[in-house]
Amino acid sequence: MGDERFISLTTFRKTGDAVSTPVWVARDGDDLVVTTPATSGKVKRLRNSGRVEMRVCDRMGRVRVSAPIIHGTVVIEFDDDVTVKFNTIFGAKFRIK
């Protein structure tokens, strides 16, 4: 899944309602890496429950009907080492400087 450019990342509200958002994705070994602002709704929902569902999508968030759902758990990390590692991983994949 980390070879694609975008995934639809589904997070869950306290009520259990699903909220899907397209995000850039990159692979880091066996892990998938995404980014979002620390103040985003995704982070707020993930602090309540790290449970996510992921499906390959296009940049507009459109998911093919046949796309499998991958279930996972998110680890939220905010520090300088993570930022450097993130910039290296995403910079290489998306040619970002």
PDB file of N, CA and C in Angstrom:
ATOM      1  N   MET A   1       0.819  -1.200   0.000  1.00  0.00           N
ATOM      2  CA  MET A   1       0.000   0.000   0.000  1.00  0.00           C
ATOM      3  C   MET A   1       0.858   1.259   0.000  1.00  0.00           C
ATOM      4  N   GLY A   2       2.037   1.259   0.499  1.00  0.00           N
ATOM      5  CA  GLY A   2       2.859   2.458   0.563  1.00  0.00           C
ATOM      6  C   GLY A   2       3.445   2.891  -0.759  1.00  0.00           C
ATOM      7  N   ASP A   3       3.253   2.079  -1.813  1.00  0.00           N
ATOM      8  CA  ASP A   3       3.774   2.449  -3.128  1.00  0.00           C
ATOM      9  C   ASP A   3       2.855   3.430  -3.849  1.00  0.00           C
ATOM     10  N   GLU A   4       1.611   3.512  -3.433  1.00  0.00           N
ATOM     11  CA  GLU A   4       0.666   4.450  -4.029  1.00  0.00           C
ATOM     12  C   GLU A   4       0.962   5.858  -3.521  1.00  0.00           C
ATOM     13  N   ARG A   5       0.422   6.836  -4.202  1.00  0.00           N
ATOM     14  CA  ARG A   5       0.625   8.223  -3.780  1.00  0.00           C
ATOM     15  C   ARG A   5      -0.358   8.629  -2.684  1.00  0.00           C
ATOM     16  N   PHE A   6      -1.580   8.118  -2.761  1.00  0.00           N
ATOM     17  CA  PHE A   6      -2.630   8.539  -1.829  1.00  0.00           C
ATOM     18  C   PHE A   6      -3.362   7.335  -1.257  1.00  0.00           C
ATOM     19  N   ILE A   7      -3.812   7.498  -0.018  1.00  0.00           N
ATOM     20  CA  ILE A   7      -4.751   6.552   0.566  1.00  0.00           C
ATOM     21  C   ILE A   7      -5.901   7.342   1.164  1.00  0.00           C
ATOM     22  N   SER A   8      -7.031   6.680   1.257  1.00  0.00           N
ATOM     23  CA  SER A   8      -8.154   7.227   1.998  1.00  0.00           C
ATOM     24  C   SER A   8      -7.978   6.728   3.425  1.00  0.00           C
ATOM     25  N   LEU A   9      -7.692   7.648   4.330  1.00  0.00           N
ATOM     26  CA  LEU A   9      -7.480   7.314   5.736  1.00  0.00           C
ATOM     27  C   LEU A   9      -8.786   7.567   6.477  1.00  0.00           C
ATOM     28  N   THR A  10      -9.349   6.509   7.026  1.00  0.00           N
ATOM     29  CA  THR A  10     -10.607   6.625   7.755  1.00  0.00           C
ATOM     30  C   THR A  10     -10.326   6.587   9.246  1.00  0.00           C
ATOM     31  N   THR A  11     -10.743   7.648   9.924  1.00  0.00           N
ATOM     32  CA  THR A  11     -10.644   7.736  11.376  1.00  0.00           C
ATOM     33  C   THR A  11     -12.066   7.723  11.929  1.00  0.00           C
ATOM     34  N   PHE A  12     -12.177   7.591  13.246  1.00  0.00           N
ATOM     35  CA  PHE A  12     -13.501   7.406  13.836  1.00  0.00           C
ATOM     36  C   PHE A  12     -13.763   8.389  14.966  1.00  0.00           C
ATOM     37  N   ARG A  13     -14.959   8.996  14.907  1.00  0.00           N
ATOM     38  CA  ARG A  13     -15.398   9.891  15.979  1.00  0.00           C
ATOM     39  C   ARG A  13     -15.745   9.067  17.213  1.00  0.00           C
ATOM     40  N   LYS A  14     -15.920   9.739  18.342  1.00  0.00           N
ATOM     41  CA  LYS A  14     -16.317   9.052  19.573  1.00  0.00           C
ATOM     42  C   LYS A  14     -17.621   8.293  19.389  1.00  0.00           C
ATOM     43  N   THR A  15     -18.480   8.801  18.505  1.00  0.00           N
ATOM     44  CA  THR A  15     -19.766   8.153  18.240  1.00  0.00           C
ATOM     45  C   THR A  15     -19.614   6.894  17.393  1.00  0.00           C
ATOM     46  N   GLY A  16     -18.412   6.691  16.835  1.00  0.00           N
ATOM     47  CA  GLY A  16     -18.182   5.554  15.942  1.00  0.00           C
ATOM     48  C   GLY A  16     -18.335   5.906  14.478  1.00  0.00           C
ATOM     49  N   ASP A  17     -18.806   7.137  14.190  1.00  0.00           N
ATOM     50  CA  ASP A  17     -18.960   7.568  12.800  1.00  0.00           C
ATOM     51  C   ASP A  17     -17.596   7.653  12.125  1.00  0.00           C
ATOM     52  N   ALA A  18     -17.532   7.134  10.905  1.00  0.00           N
ATOM     53  CA  ALA A  18     -16.290   7.135  10.133  1.00  0.00           C
ATOM     54  C   ALA A  18     -16.123   8.453   9.388  1.00  0.00           C
ATOM     55  N   VAL A  19     -14.876   8.939   9.321  1.00  0.00           N
ATOM     56  CA  VAL A  19     -14.531  10.143   8.565  1.00  0.00           C
ATOM     57  C   VAL A  19     -13.324   9.791   7.697  1.00  0.00           C
ATOM     58  N   SER A  20     -13.504   9.836   6.374  1.00  0.00           N
ATOM     59  CA  SER A  20     -12.429   9.471   5.448  1.00  0.00           C
ATOM     60  C   SER A  20     -11.825  10.712   4.811  1.00  0.00           C
ATOM     61  N   THR A  21     -10.503  10.716   4.694  1.00  0.00           N
ATOM     62  CA  THR A  21      -9.766  11.843   4.131  1.00  0.00           C
ATOM     63  C   THR A  21      -8.621  11.305   3.278  1.00  0.00           C
ATOM     64  N   PRO A  22      -8.440  11.840   2.052  1.00  0.00           N
ATOM     65  CA  PRO A  22      -7.271  11.414   1.272  1.00  0.00           C
ATOM     66  C   PRO A  22      -6.000  12.043   1.846  1.00  0.00           C
ATOM     67  N   VAL A  23      -4.951  11.231   1.973  1.00  0.00           N
ATOM     68  CA  VAL A  23      -3.663  11.712   2.470  1.00  0.00           C
ATOM     69  C   VAL A  23      -2.543  11.104   1.635  1.00  0.00           C
ATOM     70  N   TRP A  24      -1.423  11.838   1.532  1.00  0.00           N
ATOM     71  CA  TRP A  24      -0.224  11.267   0.921  1.00  0.00           C
ATOM     72  C   TRP A  24       0.275  10.160   1.834  1.00  0.00           C
ATOM     73  N   VAL A  25       0.865   9.136   1.225  1.00  0.00           N
ATOM     74  CA  VAL A  25       1.376   8.013   2.011  1.00  0.00           C
ATOM     75  C   VAL A  25       2.738   7.588   1.477  1.00  0.00           C
ATOM     76  N   ALA A  26       3.591   7.148   2.373  1.00  0.00           N
ATOM     77  CA  ALA A  26       4.892   6.593   1.996  1.00  0.00           C
ATOM     78  C   ALA A  26       5.193   5.424   2.929  1.00  0.00           C
ATOM     79  N   ARG A  27       6.038   4.539   2.455  1.00  0.00           N
ATOM     80  CA  ARG A  27       6.418   3.371   3.249  1.00  0.00           C
ATOM     81  C   ARG A  27       7.718   3.656   4.002  1.00  0.00           C
ATOM     82  N   ASP A  28       7.776   3.149   5.241  1.00  0.00           N
ATOM     83  CA  ASP A  28       8.995   3.182   6.049  1.00  0.00           C
ATOM     84  C   ASP A  28       9.161   1.777   6.623  1.00  0.00           C
ATOM     85  N   GLY A  29       9.815   0.902   5.880  1.00  0.00           N
ATOM     86  CA  GLY A  29       9.916  -0.500   6.288  1.00  0.00           C
ATOM     87  C   GLY A  29       8.546  -1.143   6.237  1.00  0.00           C
ATOM     88  N   ASP A  30       8.102  -1.689   7.361  1.00  0.00           N
ATOM     89  CA  ASP A  30       6.775  -2.309   7.433  1.00  0.00           C
ATOM     90  C   ASP A  30       5.681  -1.311   7.785  1.00  0.00           C
ATOM     91  N   ASP A  31       6.058  -0.069   8.041  1.00  0.00           N
ATOM     92  CA  ASP A  31       5.099   0.959   8.448  1.00  0.00           C
ATOM     93  C   ASP A  31       4.704   1.847   7.279  1.00  0.00           C
ATOM     94  N   LEU A  32       3.532   2.446   7.385  1.00  0.00           N
ATOM     95  CA  LEU A  32       3.098   3.479   6.450  1.00  0.00           C
ATOM     96  C   LEU A  32       3.166   4.811   7.182  1.00  0.00           C
ATOM     97  N   VAL A  33       3.569   5.851   6.466  1.00  0.00           N
ATOM     98  CA  VAL A  33       3.735   7.173   7.063  1.00  0.00           C
ATOM     99  C   VAL A  33       2.829   8.159   6.343  1.00  0.00           C
ATOM    100  N   VAL A  34       2.070   8.924   7.115  1.00  0.00           N
ATOM    101  CA  VAL A  34       1.253  10.011   6.567  1.00  0.00           C
ATOM    102  C   VAL A  34       1.519  11.246   7.418  1.00  0.00           C
ATOM    103  N   THR A  35       1.072  12.385   6.931  1.00  0.00           N
ATOM    104  CA  THR A  35       1.247  13.609   7.705  1.00  0.00           C
ATOM    105  C   THR A  35      -0.042  14.416   7.696  1.00  0.00           C
ATOM    106  N   THR A  36      -0.219  15.166   8.741  1.00  0.00           N
ATOM    107  CA  THR A  36      -1.356  16.074   8.855  1.00  0.00           C
ATOM    108  C   THR A  36      -1.011  17.093   9.940  1.00  0.00           C
ATOM    109  N   PRO A  37      -1.570  18.287   9.886  1.00  0.00           N
ATOM    110  CA  PRO A  37      -1.296  19.257  10.952  1.00  0.00           C
ATOM    111  C   PRO A  37      -1.728  18.727  12.327  1.00  0.00           C
ATOM    112  N   ALA A  38      -0.974  19.077  13.346  1.00  0.00           N
ATOM    113  CA  ALA A  38      -1.252  18.605  14.707  1.00  0.00           C
ATOM    114  C   ALA A  38      -2.628  19.023  15.197  1.00  0.00           C
ATOM    115  N   THR A  39      -3.179  20.097  14.626  1.00  0.00           N
ATOM    116  CA  THR A  39      -4.482  20.605  15.066  1.00  0.00           C
ATOM    117  C   THR A  39      -5.641  20.083  14.219  1.00  0.00           C
ATOM    118  N   SER A  40      -5.361  19.151  13.319  1.00  0.00           N
ATOM    119  CA  SER A  40      -6.410  18.667  12.413  1.00  0.00           C
ATOM    120  C   SER A  40      -7.420  17.788  13.141  1.00  0.00           C
ATOM    121  N   GLY A  41      -8.581  17.666  12.541  1.00  0.00           N
ATOM    122  CA  GLY A  41      -9.615  16.783  13.074  1.00  0.00           C
ATOM    123  C   GLY A  41      -9.151  15.336  13.131  1.00  0.00           C
ATOM    124  N   LYS A  42      -8.332  14.935  12.150  1.00  0.00           N
ATOM    125  CA  LYS A  42      -7.812  13.562  12.148  1.00  0.00           C
ATOM    126  C   LYS A  42      -7.041  13.277  13.432  1.00  0.00           C
ATOM    127  N   VAL A  43      -6.169  14.192  13.806  1.00  0.00           N
ATOM    128  CA  VAL A  43      -5.364  13.986  15.011  1.00  0.00           C
ATOM    129  C   VAL A  43      -6.263  13.949  16.242  1.00  0.00           C
ATOM    130  N   LYS A  44      -7.243  14.817  16.300  1.00  0.00           N
ATOM    131  CA  LYS A  44      -8.181  14.819  17.432  1.00  0.00           C
ATOM    132  C   LYS A  44      -8.873  13.461  17.540  1.00  0.00           C
ATOM    133  N   ARG A  45      -9.359  12.949  16.408  1.00  0.00           N
ATOM    134  CA  ARG A  45     -10.039  11.650  16.426  1.00  0.00           C
ATOM    135  C   ARG A  45      -9.068  10.529  16.782  1.00  0.00           C
ATOM    136  N   LEU A  46      -7.836  10.611  16.278  1.00  0.00           N
ATOM    137  CA  LEU A  46      -6.852   9.558  16.543  1.00  0.00           C
ATOM    138  C   LEU A  46      -6.414   9.540  17.999  1.00  0.00           C
ATOM    139  N   ARG A  47      -6.464  10.671  18.658  1.00  0.00           N
ATOM    140  CA  ARG A  47      -6.125  10.698  20.089  1.00  0.00           C
ATOM    141  C   ARG A  47      -7.179   9.939  20.904  1.00  0.00           C
ATOM    142  N   ASN A  48      -8.413   9.920  20.415  1.00  0.00           N
ATOM    143  CA  ASN A  48      -9.484   9.176  21.084  1.00  0.00           C
ATOM    144  C   ASN A  48      -9.417   7.692  20.762  1.00  0.00           C
ATOM    145  N   SER A  49      -9.053   7.384  19.532  1.00  0.00           N
ATOM    146  CA  SER A  49      -8.957   5.992  19.087  1.00  0.00           C
ATOM    147  C   SER A  49      -7.939   5.935  17.960  1.00  0.00           C
ATOM    148  N   GLY A  50      -6.911   5.143  18.117  1.00  0.00           N
ATOM    149  CA  GLY A  50      -5.890   5.010  17.082  1.00  0.00           C
ATOM    150  C   GLY A  50      -6.295   4.089  15.950  1.00  0.00           C
ATOM    151  N   ARG A  51      -7.531   3.609  15.994  1.00  0.00           N
ATOM    152  CA  ARG A  51      -8.016   2.678  14.968  1.00  0.00           C
ATOM    153  C   ARG A  51      -8.246   3.412  13.656  1.00  0.00           C
ATOM    154  N   VAL A  52      -7.746   2.823  12.556  1.00  0.00           N
ATOM    155  CA  VAL A  52      -7.953   3.399  11.229  1.00  0.00           C
ATOM    156  C   VAL A  52      -8.278   2.310  10.222  1.00  0.00           C
ATOM    157  N   GLU A  53      -8.872   2.741   9.129  1.00  0.00           N
ATOM    158  CA  GLU A  53      -9.033   1.916   7.941  1.00  0.00           C
ATOM    159  C   GLU A  53      -8.401   2.683   6.797  1.00  0.00           C
ATOM    160  N   MET A  54      -7.748   1.948   5.902  1.00  0.00           N
ATOM    161  CA  MET A  54      -7.059   2.574   4.775  1.00  0.00           C
ATOM    162  C   MET A  54      -7.443   1.861   3.492  1.00  0.00           C
ATOM    163  N   ARG A  55      -7.638   2.668   2.451  1.00  0.00           N
ATOM    164  CA  ARG A  55      -7.902   2.139   1.111  1.00  0.00           C
ATOM    165  C   ARG A  55      -7.172   3.027   0.124  1.00  0.00           C
ATOM    166  N   VAL A  56      -6.643   2.424  -0.925  1.00  0.00           N
ATOM    167  CA  VAL A  56      -5.993   3.195  -1.979  1.00  0.00           C
ATOM    168  C   VAL A  56      -7.040   4.086  -2.632  1.00  0.00           C
ATOM    169  N   CYS A  57      -6.659   5.337  -2.919  1.00  0.00           N
ATOM    170  CA  CYS A  57      -7.575   6.272  -3.563  1.00  0.00           C
ATOM    171  C   CYS A  57      -6.792   7.193  -4.488  1.00  0.00           C
ATOM    172  N   ASP A  58      -7.512   8.060  -5.191  1.00  0.00           N
ATOM    173  CA  ASP A  58      -6.846   9.092  -5.984  1.00  0.00           C
ATOM    174  C   ASP A  58      -6.740  10.357  -5.126  1.00  0.00           C
ATOM    175  N   ARG A  59      -6.174  11.420  -5.697  1.00  0.00           N
ATOM    176  CA  ARG A  59      -5.935  12.628  -4.898  1.00  0.00           C
ATOM    177  C   ARG A  59      -7.216  13.309  -4.429  1.00  0.00           C
ATOM    178  N   MET A  60      -8.334  12.976  -5.064  1.00  0.00           N
ATOM    179  CA  MET A  60      -9.620  13.545  -4.659  1.00  0.00           C
ATOM    180  C   MET A  60     -10.338  12.671  -3.624  1.00  0.00           C
ATOM    181  N   GLY A  61      -9.708  11.548  -3.265  1.00  0.00           N
ATOM    182  CA  GLY A  61     -10.310  10.662  -2.276  1.00  0.00           C
ATOM    183  C   GLY A  61     -11.231   9.611  -2.858  1.00  0.00           C
ATOM    184  N   ARG A  62     -11.284   9.511  -4.189  1.00  0.00           N
ATOM    185  CA  ARG A  62     -12.151   8.511  -4.815  1.00  0.00           C
ATOM    186  C   ARG A  62     -11.513   7.131  -4.687  1.00  0.00           C
ATOM    187  N   VAL A  63     -12.282   6.204  -4.167  1.00  0.00           N
ATOM    188  CA  VAL A  63     -11.820   4.843  -3.915  1.00  0.00           C
ATOM    189  C   VAL A  63     -12.510   3.906  -4.897  1.00  0.00           C
ATOM    190  N   ARG A  64     -11.731   2.992  -5.491  1.00  0.00           N
ATOM    191  CA  ARG A  64     -12.336   1.979  -6.361  1.00  0.00           C
ATOM    192  C   ARG A  64     -13.176   1.039  -5.514  1.00  0.00           C
ATOM    193  N   VAL A  65     -14.279   0.591  -6.064  1.00  0.00           N
ATOM    194  CA  VAL A  65     -15.174  -0.314  -5.339  1.00  0.00           C
ATOM    195  C   VAL A  65     -14.428  -1.569  -4.899  1.00  0.00           C
ATOM    196  N   SER A  66     -13.496  -2.038  -5.727  1.00  0.00           N
ATOM    197  CA  SER A  66     -12.778  -3.281  -5.438  1.00  0.00           C
ATOM    198  C   SER A  66     -11.574  -3.096  -4.505  1.00  0.00           C
ATOM    199  N   ALA A  67     -11.291  -1.865  -4.094  1.00  0.00           N
ATOM    200  CA  ALA A  67     -10.113  -1.618  -3.246  1.00  0.00           C
ATOM    201  C   ALA A  67     -10.288  -2.277  -1.883  1.00  0.00           C
ATOM    202  N   PRO A  68      -9.321  -3.100  -1.471  1.00  0.00           N
ATOM    203  CA  PRO A  68      -9.449  -3.747  -0.160  1.00  0.00           C
ATOM    204  C   PRO A  68      -9.296  -2.735   0.976  1.00  0.00           C
ATOM    205  N   ILE A  69      -9.928  -3.039   2.086  1.00  0.00           N
ATOM    206  CA  ILE A  69      -9.805  -2.216   3.294  1.00  0.00           C
ATOM    207  C   ILE A  69      -8.714  -2.827   4.164  1.00  0.00           C
ATOM    208  N   ILE A  70      -7.751  -2.002   4.539  1.00  0.00           N
ATOM    209  CA  ILE A  70      -6.678  -2.423   5.435  1.00  0.00           C
ATOM    210  C   ILE A  70      -6.944  -1.790   6.799  1.00  0.00           C
ATOM    211  N   HIS A  71      -6.990  -2.600   7.840  1.00  0.00           N
ATOM    212  CA  HIS A  71      -7.213  -2.112   9.202  1.00  0.00           C
ATOM    213  C   HIS A  71      -5.864  -1.901   9.875  1.00  0.00           C
ATOM    214  N   GLY A  72      -5.752  -0.845  10.659  1.00  0.00           N
ATOM    215  CA  GLY A  72      -4.485  -0.572  11.325  1.00  0.00           C
ATOM    216  C   GLY A  72      -4.659   0.248  12.580  1.00  0.00           C
ATOM    217  N   THR A  73      -3.530   0.500  13.210  1.00  0.00           N
ATOM    218  CA  THR A  73      -3.467   1.328  14.406  1.00  0.00           C
ATOM    219  C   THR A  73      -2.418   2.406  14.177  1.00  0.00           C
ATOM    220  N   VAL A  74      -2.741   3.624  14.550  1.00  0.00           N
ATOM    221  CA  VAL A  74      -1.862   4.766  14.321  1.00  0.00           C
ATOM    222  C   VAL A  74      -1.029   5.059  15.562  1.00  0.00           C
ATOM    223  N   VAL A  75       0.208   5.433  15.311  1.00  0.00           N
ATOM    224  CA  VAL A  75       1.080   5.969  16.351  1.00  0.00           C
ATOM    225  C   VAL A  75       1.335   7.422  15.982  1.00  0.00           C
ATOM    226  N   ILE A  76       0.964   8.347  16.866  1.00  0.00           N
ATOM    227  CA  ILE A  76       1.167   9.777  16.610  1.00  0.00           C
ATOM    228  C   ILE A  76       2.520  10.173  17.181  1.00  0.00           C
ATOM    229  N   GLU A  77       3.338  10.791  16.330  1.00  0.00           N
ATOM    230  CA  GLU A  77       4.665  11.229  16.765  1.00  0.00           C
ATOM    231  C   GLU A  77       4.910  12.654  16.293  1.00  0.00           C
ATOM    232  N   PHE A  78       5.312  13.518  17.217  1.00  0.00           N
ATOM    233  CA  PHE A  78       5.687  14.895  16.899  1.00  0.00           C
ATOM    234  C   PHE A  78       6.994  15.213  17.615  1.00  0.00           C
ATOM    235  N   ASP A  79       8.102  15.191  16.902  1.00  0.00           N
ATOM    236  CA  ASP A  79       9.376  15.661  17.453  1.00  0.00           C
ATOM    237  C   ASP A  79      10.336  15.912  16.296  1.00  0.00           C
ATOM    238  N   ASP A  80      11.478  16.503  16.592  1.00  0.00           N
ATOM    239  CA  ASP A  80      12.415  16.892  15.536  1.00  0.00           C
ATOM    240  C   ASP A  80      12.950  15.695  14.764  1.00  0.00           C
ATOM    241  N   ASP A  81      13.243  14.580  15.455  1.00  0.00           N
ATOM    242  CA  ASP A  81      13.755  13.394  14.767  1.00  0.00           C
ATOM    243  C   ASP A  81      12.735  12.847  13.779  1.00  0.00           C
ATOM    244  N   VAL A  82      11.478  12.838  14.188  1.00  0.00           N
ATOM    245  CA  VAL A  82      10.414  12.359  13.305  1.00  0.00           C
ATOM    246  C   VAL A  82      10.277  13.284  12.101  1.00  0.00           C
ATOM    247  N   THR A  83      10.383  14.577  12.321  1.00  0.00           N
ATOM    248  CA  THR A  83      10.280  15.543  11.222  1.00  0.00           C
ATOM    249  C   THR A  83      11.386  15.321  10.196  1.00  0.00           C
ATOM    250  N   VAL A  84      12.605  15.116  10.649  1.00  0.00           N
ATOM    251  CA  VAL A  84      13.727  14.868   9.733  1.00  0.00           C
ATOM    252  C   VAL A  84      13.495  13.578   8.957  1.00  0.00           C
ATOM    253  N   LYS A  85      13.098  12.524   9.654  1.00  0.00           N
ATOM    254  CA  LYS A  85      12.840  11.234   8.993  1.00  0.00           C
ATOM    255  C   LYS A  85      11.701  11.368   7.989  1.00  0.00           C
ATOM    256  N   PHE A  86      10.633  12.044   8.383  1.00  0.00           N
ATOM    257  CA  PHE A  86       9.504  12.264   7.484  1.00  0.00           C
ATOM    258  C   PHE A  86       9.950  12.999   6.228  1.00  0.00           C
ATOM    259  N   ASN A  87      10.704  14.085   6.394  1.00  0.00           N
ATOM    260  CA  ASN A  87      11.163  14.868   5.243  1.00  0.00           C
ATOM    261  C   ASN A  87      12.012  14.026   4.302  1.00  0.00           C
ATOM    262  N   THR A  88      12.824  13.138   4.845  1.00  0.00           N
ATOM    263  CA  THR A  88      13.652  12.257   4.024  1.00  0.00           C
ATOM    264  C   THR A  88      12.785  11.279   3.239  1.00  0.00           C
ATOM    265  N   ILE A  89      11.846  10.632   3.916  1.00  0.00           N
ATOM    266  CA  ILE A  89      10.987   9.632   3.272  1.00  0.00           C
ATOM    267  C   ILE A  89      10.107  10.278   2.207  1.00  0.00           C
ATOM    268  N   PHE A  90       9.401  11.341   2.566  1.00  0.00           N
ATOM    269  CA  PHE A  90       8.493  11.979   1.615  1.00  0.00           C
ATOM    270  C   PHE A  90       9.251  12.732   0.532  1.00  0.00           C
ATOM    271  N   GLY A  91      10.381  13.325   0.885  1.00  0.00           N
ATOM    272  CA  GLY A  91      11.191  14.024  -0.109  1.00  0.00           C
ATOM    273  C   GLY A  91      11.649  13.101  -1.209  1.00  0.00           C
ATOM    274  N   ALA A  92      12.065  11.892  -0.841  1.00  0.00           N
ATOM    275  CA  ALA A  92      12.516  10.920  -1.835  1.00  0.00           C
ATOM    276  C   ALA A  92      11.362  10.441  -2.704  1.00  0.00           C
ATOM    277  N   LYS A  93      10.227  10.170  -2.102  1.00  0.00           N
ATOM    278  CA  LYS A  93       9.096   9.630  -2.863  1.00  0.00           C
ATOM    279  C   LYS A  93       8.446  10.682  -3.749  1.00  0.00           C
ATOM    280  N   PHE A  94       8.227  11.870  -3.212  1.00  0.00           N
ATOM    281  CA  PHE A  94       7.469  12.893  -3.925  1.00  0.00           C
ATOM    282  C   PHE A  94       8.349  14.007  -4.494  1.00  0.00           C
ATOM    283  N   ARG A  95       9.667  13.839  -4.389  1.00  0.00           N
ATOM    284  CA  ARG A  95      10.629  14.823  -4.905  1.00  0.00           C
ATOM    285  C   ARG A  95      10.386  16.214  -4.306  1.00  0.00           C
ATOM    286  N   ILE A  96      10.224  16.225  -2.985  1.00  0.00           N
ATOM    287  CA  ILE A  96       9.997  17.467  -2.247  1.00  0.00           C
ATOM    288  C   ILE A  96      11.317  17.874  -1.605  1.00  0.00           C
ATOM    289  N   LYS A  97      11.637  19.151  -1.692  1.00  0.00           N
ATOM    290  CA  LYS A  97      12.872  19.636  -1.058  1.00  0.00           C
ATOM    291  C   LYS A  97      12.547  20.408   0.191  1.00  0.00           C
TER     292      LYS A  97
END
